[in-house]
Amino acid sequence: MVDSVAMKWSKPDLNQHWRSYGFCSVDIETTGLEFQKDEVISVGAINITDGRFSSVGNFYEEISPVNKPSISSIQVHGLRGVDLESARPVDQVMSEFVTHIGNRFLVTHAGWVERGFLSAPLKKQGYKFPKNIIDTAALARFSGYADESSDHEPSLEFLARKLNLPVYAPHHALGDAMTTAVVFLALVSEIEKTQEVLTLKKLLELSQ
């Protein structure tokens, strides 16, 4: 299963124009900020095809955690333990999440967060977090939309507003996934002006 999923989440030829590939912008909310003890409590994913994102046919699920969300995390995303009592466990949601992604490439903002929190639950189900992901925070730095003197990632809301884009339901996994999608498309449009042909390989390199 690991091998089949790893193959499904990668493509041998990365040298085609970026619009030739399908993407999925992903965002999560968690019980806290510590990878070793905190858990994912919601995940949202927005499909991007032919350089456009769709508001239908996307993915959003809340997840029942083992431990309740911390007070500080509730103040951010508003999801309380009682709100998640009817949610499904992480193993069921992750299995459906991988099926939904299919062969699309993941787009995230500050992707180390998704990698840090999703790697373990995916691994428990026999899946592997994809190596090749596109990071809008890295693309923003390349495009000059981030403060190079700062050690911190530019926030998603900051980037959206700087690009004169809407901010969809901040700190909600599906809303942030949609904001990530529009930021991604805007940044790629800027980068494309400087490239003869903007390939997926180049976008992945810029995301490192």
C-alpha atoms as a PDB file:
ATOM      1  CA  MET A   1       0.000   0.000   0.000  1.00  0.00           C
ATOM      2  CA  VAL A   2       2.819   2.395   0.826  1.00  0.00           C
ATOM      3  CA  ASP A   3       4.378   1.894  -2.587  1.00  0.00           C
ATOM      4  CA  SER A   4       1.116   2.367  -4.474  1.00  0.00           C
ATOM      5  CA  VAL A   5       0.279   5.554  -2.626  1.00  0.00           C
ATOM      6  CA  ALA A   6       3.808   6.879  -2.997  1.00  0.00           C
ATOM      7  CA  MET A   7       3.467   6.312  -6.741  1.00  0.00           C
ATOM      8  CA  LYS A   8       0.033   7.949  -6.812  1.00  0.00           C
ATOM      9  CA  TRP A   9       1.393  11.036  -5.053  1.00  0.00           C
ATOM     10  CA  SER A  10       4.280  11.534  -7.447  1.00  0.00           C
ATOM     11  CA  LYS A  11       4.895  11.843 -11.170  1.00  0.00           C
ATOM     12  CA  PRO A  12       8.035  10.632 -12.960  1.00  0.00           C
ATOM     13  CA  ASP A  13       8.053  13.602 -15.351  1.00  0.00           C
ATOM     14  CA  LEU A  14       8.093  16.990 -13.601  1.00  0.00           C
ATOM     15  CA  ASN A  15       9.175  18.970 -16.652  1.00  0.00           C
ATOM     16  CA  GLN A  16       5.764  19.735 -18.100  1.00  0.00           C
ATOM     17  CA  HIS A  17       4.089  23.131 -17.792  1.00  0.00           C
ATOM     18  CA  TRP A  18       2.652  23.498 -14.296  1.00  0.00           C
ATOM     19  CA  ARG A  19      -0.916  23.735 -15.592  1.00  0.00           C
ATOM     20  CA  SER A  20      -0.570  20.168 -16.863  1.00  0.00           C
ATOM     21  CA  TYR A  21      -0.821  18.876 -13.301  1.00  0.00           C
ATOM     22  CA  GLY A  22      -3.545  18.726 -10.706  1.00  0.00           C
ATOM     23  CA  PHE A  23      -2.980  20.355  -7.318  1.00  0.00           C
ATOM     24  CA  CYS A  24      -4.707  20.349  -3.972  1.00  0.00           C
ATOM     25  CA  SER A  25      -4.193  23.109  -1.414  1.00  0.00           C
ATOM     26  CA  VAL A  26      -4.307  21.745   2.126  1.00  0.00           C
ATOM     27  CA  ASP A  27      -4.661  23.251   5.581  1.00  0.00           C
ATOM     28  CA  ILE A  28      -5.125  21.780   9.052  1.00  0.00           C
ATOM     29  CA  GLU A  29      -6.119  22.866  12.547  1.00  0.00           C
ATOM     30  CA  THR A  30      -4.672  21.159  15.624  1.00  0.00           C
ATOM     31  CA  THR A  31      -5.060  20.791  19.391  1.00  0.00           C
ATOM     32  CA  GLY A  32      -1.791  22.685  19.909  1.00  0.00           C
ATOM     33  CA  LEU A  33       1.610  23.349  18.387  1.00  0.00           C
ATOM     34  CA  GLU A  34       3.723  20.410  19.607  1.00  0.00           C
ATOM     35  CA  PHE A  35       4.227  17.704  16.985  1.00  0.00           C
ATOM     36  CA  GLN A  36       4.888  14.958  19.524  1.00  0.00           C
ATOM     37  CA  LYS A  37       1.726  15.336  21.590  1.00  0.00           C
ATOM     38  CA  ASP A  38      -0.809  17.478  19.721  1.00  0.00           C
ATOM     39  CA  GLU A  39      -3.241  16.192  17.112  1.00  0.00           C
ATOM     40  CA  VAL A  40      -4.974  17.226  13.915  1.00  0.00           C
ATOM     41  CA  ILE A  41      -8.629  18.093  14.539  1.00  0.00           C
ATOM     42  CA  SER A  42      -9.652  19.329  11.093  1.00  0.00           C
ATOM     43  CA  VAL A  43      -8.352  19.136   7.553  1.00  0.00           C
ATOM     44  CA  GLY A  44      -9.433  21.028   4.444  1.00  0.00           C
ATOM     45  CA  ALA A  45      -8.409  20.544   0.823  1.00  0.00           C
ATOM     46  CA  ILE A  46      -9.224  22.608  -2.285  1.00  0.00           C
ATOM     47  CA  ASN A  47      -8.774  21.141  -5.762  1.00  0.00           C
ATOM     48  CA  ILE A  48      -6.878  23.154  -8.388  1.00  0.00           C
ATOM     49  CA  THR A  49      -7.141  22.100 -12.030  1.00  0.00           C
ATOM     50  CA  ASP A  50      -5.833  23.879 -15.136  1.00  0.00           C
ATOM     51  CA  GLY A  51      -4.827  26.889 -13.076  1.00  0.00           C
ATOM     52  CA  ARG A  52      -8.245  27.314 -11.441  1.00  0.00           C
ATOM     53  CA  PHE A  53      -9.682  26.271  -8.112  1.00  0.00           C
ATOM     54  CA  SER A  54     -13.165  24.968  -7.511  1.00  0.00           C
ATOM     55  CA  SER A  55     -15.576  25.779  -4.689  1.00  0.00           C
ATOM     56  CA  VAL A  56     -17.296  22.393  -5.091  1.00  0.00           C
ATOM     57  CA  GLY A  57     -16.093  18.814  -4.785  1.00  0.00           C
ATOM     58  CA  ASN A  58     -13.546  19.695  -2.127  1.00  0.00           C
ATOM     59  CA  PHE A  59     -12.692  18.014   1.182  1.00  0.00           C
ATOM     60  CA  TYR A  60     -13.352  19.042   4.772  1.00  0.00           C
ATOM     61  CA  GLU A  61     -13.503  16.853   7.857  1.00  0.00           C
ATOM     62  CA  GLU A  62     -13.288  17.429  11.573  1.00  0.00           C
ATOM     63  CA  ILE A  63     -11.466  14.769  13.601  1.00  0.00           C
ATOM     64  CA  SER A  64     -12.130  13.438  17.091  1.00  0.00           C
ATOM     65  CA  PRO A  65      -8.857  13.794  19.063  1.00  0.00           C
ATOM     66  CA  VAL A  66      -7.621  11.618  21.901  1.00  0.00           C
ATOM     67  CA  ASN A  67      -6.996  14.717  24.020  1.00  0.00           C
ATOM     68  CA  LYS A  68      -9.030  17.906  24.075  1.00  0.00           C
ATOM     69  CA  PRO A  69      -7.785  21.025  22.270  1.00  0.00           C
ATOM     70  CA  SER A  70      -5.739  23.427  24.390  1.00  0.00           C
ATOM     71  CA  ILE A  71      -7.293  26.713  25.463  1.00  0.00           C
ATOM     72  CA  SER A  72      -4.791  28.632  23.344  1.00  0.00           C
ATOM     73  CA  SER A  73      -5.684  26.613  20.228  1.00  0.00           C
ATOM     74  CA  ILE A  74      -9.425  27.074  20.827  1.00  0.00           C
ATOM     75  CA  GLN A  75      -8.833  30.819  20.907  1.00  0.00           C
ATOM     76  CA  VAL A  76      -7.415  30.499  17.380  1.00  0.00           C
ATOM     77  CA  HIS A  77      -9.731  28.072  15.584  1.00  0.00           C
ATOM     78  CA  GLY A  78     -12.753  27.926  17.912  1.00  0.00           C
ATOM     79  CA  LEU A  79     -13.028  24.120  17.889  1.00  0.00           C
ATOM     80  CA  ARG A  80     -13.776  22.836  21.402  1.00  0.00           C
ATOM     81  CA  GLY A  81     -13.734  19.270  22.614  1.00  0.00           C
ATOM     82  CA  VAL A  82     -17.536  19.205  22.693  1.00  0.00           C
ATOM     83  CA  ASP A  83     -17.652  20.345  19.067  1.00  0.00           C
ATOM     84  CA  LEU A  84     -15.620  17.292  18.023  1.00  0.00           C
ATOM     85  CA  GLU A  85     -17.483  14.589  19.937  1.00  0.00           C
ATOM     86  CA  SER A  86     -19.405  13.460  16.855  1.00  0.00           C
ATOM     87  CA  ALA A  87     -16.376  13.670  14.549  1.00  0.00           C
ATOM     88  CA  ARG A  88     -14.734  10.519  13.216  1.00  0.00           C
ATOM     89  CA  PRO A  89     -11.323   9.211  14.344  1.00  0.00           C
ATOM     90  CA  VAL A  90      -8.193  10.218  12.491  1.00  0.00           C
ATOM     91  CA  ASP A  91      -7.609   6.816  10.845  1.00  0.00           C
ATOM     92  CA  GLN A  92     -10.916   6.970   8.959  1.00  0.00           C
ATOM     93  CA  VAL A  93     -10.425  10.579   7.883  1.00  0.00           C
ATOM     94  CA  MET A  94      -6.829  10.102   6.723  1.00  0.00           C
ATOM     95  CA  SER A  95      -7.799   7.164   4.539  1.00  0.00           C
ATOM     96  CA  GLU A  96     -10.437   9.271   2.783  1.00  0.00           C
ATOM     97  CA  PHE A  97      -8.072  12.249   2.605  1.00  0.00           C
ATOM     98  CA  VAL A  98      -5.497  10.255   0.635  1.00  0.00           C
ATOM     99  CA  THR A  99      -8.200   8.960  -1.698  1.00  0.00           C
ATOM    100  CA  HIS A 100      -9.404  12.506  -2.291  1.00  0.00           C
ATOM    101  CA  ILE A 101      -5.893  13.804  -3.074  1.00  0.00           C
ATOM    102  CA  GLY A 102      -5.313  11.062  -5.628  1.00  0.00           C
ATOM    103  CA  ASN A 103      -2.435  12.040  -7.926  1.00  0.00           C
ATOM    104  CA  ARG A 104      -2.628  15.757  -7.180  1.00  0.00           C
ATOM    105  CA  PHE A 105       0.370  17.646  -5.811  1.00  0.00           C
ATOM    106  CA  LEU A 106      -0.061  19.255  -2.422  1.00  0.00           C
ATOM    107  CA  VAL A 107       0.088  23.031  -1.999  1.00  0.00           C
ATOM    108  CA  THR A 108       0.535  24.320   1.550  1.00  0.00           C
ATOM    109  CA  HIS A 109       1.491  27.502   3.356  1.00  0.00           C
ATOM    110  CA  ALA A 110       4.511  26.891   5.598  1.00  0.00           C
ATOM    111  CA  GLY A 111       4.317  23.219   4.709  1.00  0.00           C
ATOM    112  CA  TRP A 112       6.483  22.046   7.595  1.00  0.00           C
ATOM    113  CA  VAL A 113       3.343  22.304   9.753  1.00  0.00           C
ATOM    114  CA  GLU A 114       1.306  19.901   7.609  1.00  0.00           C
ATOM    115  CA  ARG A 115       4.282  17.584   7.244  1.00  0.00           C
ATOM    116  CA  GLY A 116       4.913  17.603  10.992  1.00  0.00           C
ATOM    117  CA  PHE A 117       1.326  16.850  11.987  1.00  0.00           C
ATOM    118  CA  LEU A 118       0.140  14.643   9.116  1.00  0.00           C
ATOM    119  CA  SER A 119       3.175  12.371   8.695  1.00  0.00           C
ATOM    120  CA  ALA A 120       2.488  10.234  11.782  1.00  0.00           C
ATOM    121  CA  PRO A 121      -1.254   9.630  11.292  1.00  0.00           C
ATOM    122  CA  LEU A 122      -0.682   8.886   7.616  1.00  0.00           C
ATOM    123  CA  LYS A 123       2.139   6.484   8.435  1.00  0.00           C
ATOM    124  CA  LYS A 124      -0.122   4.591  10.866  1.00  0.00           C
ATOM    125  CA  GLN A 125      -2.472   3.960   7.959  1.00  0.00           C
ATOM    126  CA  GLY A 126       0.349   2.783   5.690  1.00  0.00           C
ATOM    127  CA  TYR A 127       0.643   6.043   3.759  1.00  0.00           C
ATOM    128  CA  LYS A 128       3.622   8.330   3.282  1.00  0.00           C
ATOM    129  CA  PHE A 129       3.476  12.128   3.305  1.00  0.00           C
ATOM    130  CA  PRO A 130       4.605  13.169  -0.198  1.00  0.00           C
ATOM    131  CA  LYS A 131       8.136  14.448  -0.591  1.00  0.00           C
ATOM    132  CA  ASN A 132       7.270  16.915  -3.333  1.00  0.00           C
ATOM    133  CA  ILE A 133       4.986  19.703  -2.110  1.00  0.00           C
ATOM    134  CA  ILE A 134       4.623  23.348  -3.114  1.00  0.00           C
ATOM    135  CA  ASP A 135       4.954  25.927  -0.344  1.00  0.00           C
ATOM    136  CA  THR A 136       3.371  29.352  -0.845  1.00  0.00           C
ATOM    137  CA  ALA A 137       5.529  30.854   1.908  1.00  0.00           C
ATOM    138  CA  ALA A 138       8.654  29.916  -0.059  1.00  0.00           C
ATOM    139  CA  LEU A 139       7.154  31.168  -3.314  1.00  0.00           C
ATOM    140  CA  ALA A 140       6.347  34.465  -1.591  1.00  0.00           C
ATOM    141  CA  ARG A 141       9.957  34.902  -0.537  1.00  0.00           C
ATOM    142  CA  PHE A 142      11.147  34.227  -4.086  1.00  0.00           C
ATOM    143  CA  SER A 143       8.620  36.719  -5.467  1.00  0.00           C
ATOM    144  CA  GLY A 144       9.577  39.471  -3.038  1.00  0.00           C
ATOM    145  CA  TYR A 145       6.338  39.408  -1.061  1.00  0.00           C
ATOM    146  CA  ALA A 146       7.988  38.540   2.241  1.00  0.00           C
ATOM    147  CA  ASP A 147      10.286  40.444   4.582  1.00  0.00           C
ATOM    148  CA  GLU A 148      13.718  38.943   3.935  1.00  0.00           C
ATOM    149  CA  SER A 149      15.016  40.393   7.208  1.00  0.00           C
ATOM    150  CA  SER A 150      12.518  38.319   9.194  1.00  0.00           C
ATOM    151  CA  ASP A 151      13.138  34.746  10.320  1.00  0.00           C
ATOM    152  CA  HIS A 152       9.402  34.076  10.425  1.00  0.00           C
ATOM    153  CA  GLU A 153       7.221  32.798   7.611  1.00  0.00           C
ATOM    154  CA  PRO A 154       4.913  35.468   6.149  1.00  0.00           C
ATOM    155  CA  SER A 155       1.412  34.756   7.423  1.00  0.00           C
ATOM    156  CA  LEU A 156      -1.227  33.549   4.978  1.00  0.00           C
ATOM    157  CA  GLU A 157      -3.504  36.489   5.742  1.00  0.00           C
ATOM    158  CA  PHE A 158      -0.624  38.949   5.293  1.00  0.00           C
ATOM    159  CA  LEU A 159       0.161  37.536   1.855  1.00  0.00           C
ATOM    160  CA  ALA A 160      -3.456  37.511   0.726  1.00  0.00           C
ATOM    161  CA  ARG A 161      -3.969  41.134   1.705  1.00  0.00           C
ATOM    162  CA  LYS A 162      -0.642  42.193   0.159  1.00  0.00           C
ATOM    163  CA  LEU A 163      -1.738  40.541  -3.083  1.00  0.00           C
ATOM    164  CA  ASN A 164      -5.175  42.203  -2.830  1.00  0.00           C
ATOM    165  CA  LEU A 165      -6.857  38.814  -2.506  1.00  0.00           C
ATOM    166  CA  PRO A 166      -9.794  37.744  -0.340  1.00  0.00           C
ATOM    167  CA  VAL A 167      -9.206  35.968   2.969  1.00  0.00           C
ATOM    168  CA  TYR A 168     -11.652  33.077   3.349  1.00  0.00           C
ATOM    169  CA  ALA A 169     -12.712  32.147   6.912  1.00  0.00           C
ATOM    170  CA  PRO A 170      -9.305  32.520   8.622  1.00  0.00           C
ATOM    171  CA  HIS A 171      -8.237  29.727  10.995  1.00  0.00           C
ATOM    172  CA  HIS A 172     -10.805  27.363   9.510  1.00  0.00           C
ATOM    173  CA  ALA A 173      -9.108  24.509   7.635  1.00  0.00           C
ATOM    174  CA  LEU A 174     -11.261  24.770   4.507  1.00  0.00           C
ATOM    175  CA  GLY A 175     -11.204  28.579   4.512  1.00  0.00           C
ATOM    176  CA  ASP A 176      -7.424  28.677   4.866  1.00  0.00           C
ATOM    177  CA  ALA A 177      -7.053  26.014   2.174  1.00  0.00           C
ATOM    178  CA  MET A 178      -9.058  28.226  -0.175  1.00  0.00           C
ATOM    179  CA  THR A 179      -6.968  31.285   0.715  1.00  0.00           C
ATOM    180  CA  THR A 180      -3.841  29.210   0.092  1.00  0.00           C
ATOM    181  CA  ALA A 181      -5.222  28.256  -3.322  1.00  0.00           C
ATOM    182  CA  VAL A 182      -5.786  31.856  -4.451  1.00  0.00           C
ATOM    183  CA  VAL A 183      -2.403  32.949  -3.049  1.00  0.00           C
ATOM    184  CA  PHE A 184      -0.729  30.076  -4.899  1.00  0.00           C
ATOM    185  CA  LEU A 185      -2.346  31.013  -8.200  1.00  0.00           C
ATOM    186  CA  ALA A 186      -1.473  34.702  -7.774  1.00  0.00           C
ATOM    187  CA  LEU A 187       2.162  33.973  -6.907  1.00  0.00           C
ATOM    188  CA  VAL A 188       2.557  31.521  -9.767  1.00  0.00           C
ATOM    189  CA  SER A 189       1.139  34.132 -12.136  1.00  0.00           C
ATOM    190  CA  GLU A 190       3.844  36.565 -10.971  1.00  0.00           C
ATOM    191  CA  ILE A 191       6.622  33.975 -11.223  1.00  0.00           C
ATOM    192  CA  GLU A 192       5.465  32.897 -14.677  1.00  0.00           C
ATOM    193  CA  LYS A 193       6.230  36.378 -16.017  1.00  0.00           C
ATOM    194  CA  THR A 194       9.931  35.766 -15.317  1.00  0.00           C
ATOM    195  CA  GLN A 195      10.134  32.282 -16.840  1.00  0.00           C
ATOM    196  CA  GLU A 196      10.110  31.180 -20.463  1.00  0.00           C
ATOM    197  CA  VAL A 197       8.262  28.035 -19.420  1.00  0.00           C
ATOM    198  CA  LEU A 198       7.270  27.522 -15.792  1.00  0.00           C
ATOM    199  CA  THR A 199       7.444  23.805 -15.077  1.00  0.00           C
ATOM    200  CA  LEU A 200       6.300  21.883 -12.042  1.00  0.00           C
ATOM    201  CA  LYS A 201       9.940  20.999 -11.383  1.00  0.00           C
ATOM    202  CA  LYS A 202      10.786  24.701 -11.086  1.00  0.00           C
ATOM    203  CA  LEU A 203       7.939  25.324  -8.640  1.00  0.00           C
ATOM    204  CA  LEU A 204       9.078  22.419  -6.506  1.00  0.00           C
ATOM    205  CA  GLU A 205      12.646  23.732  -6.524  1.00  0.00           C
ATOM    206  CA  LEU A 206      11.452  27.159  -5.416  1.00  0.00           C
ATOM    207  CA  SER A 207       9.516  25.526  -2.589  1.00  0.00           C
ATOM    208  CA  GLN A 208      12.590  23.937  -1.008  1.00  0.00           C
END
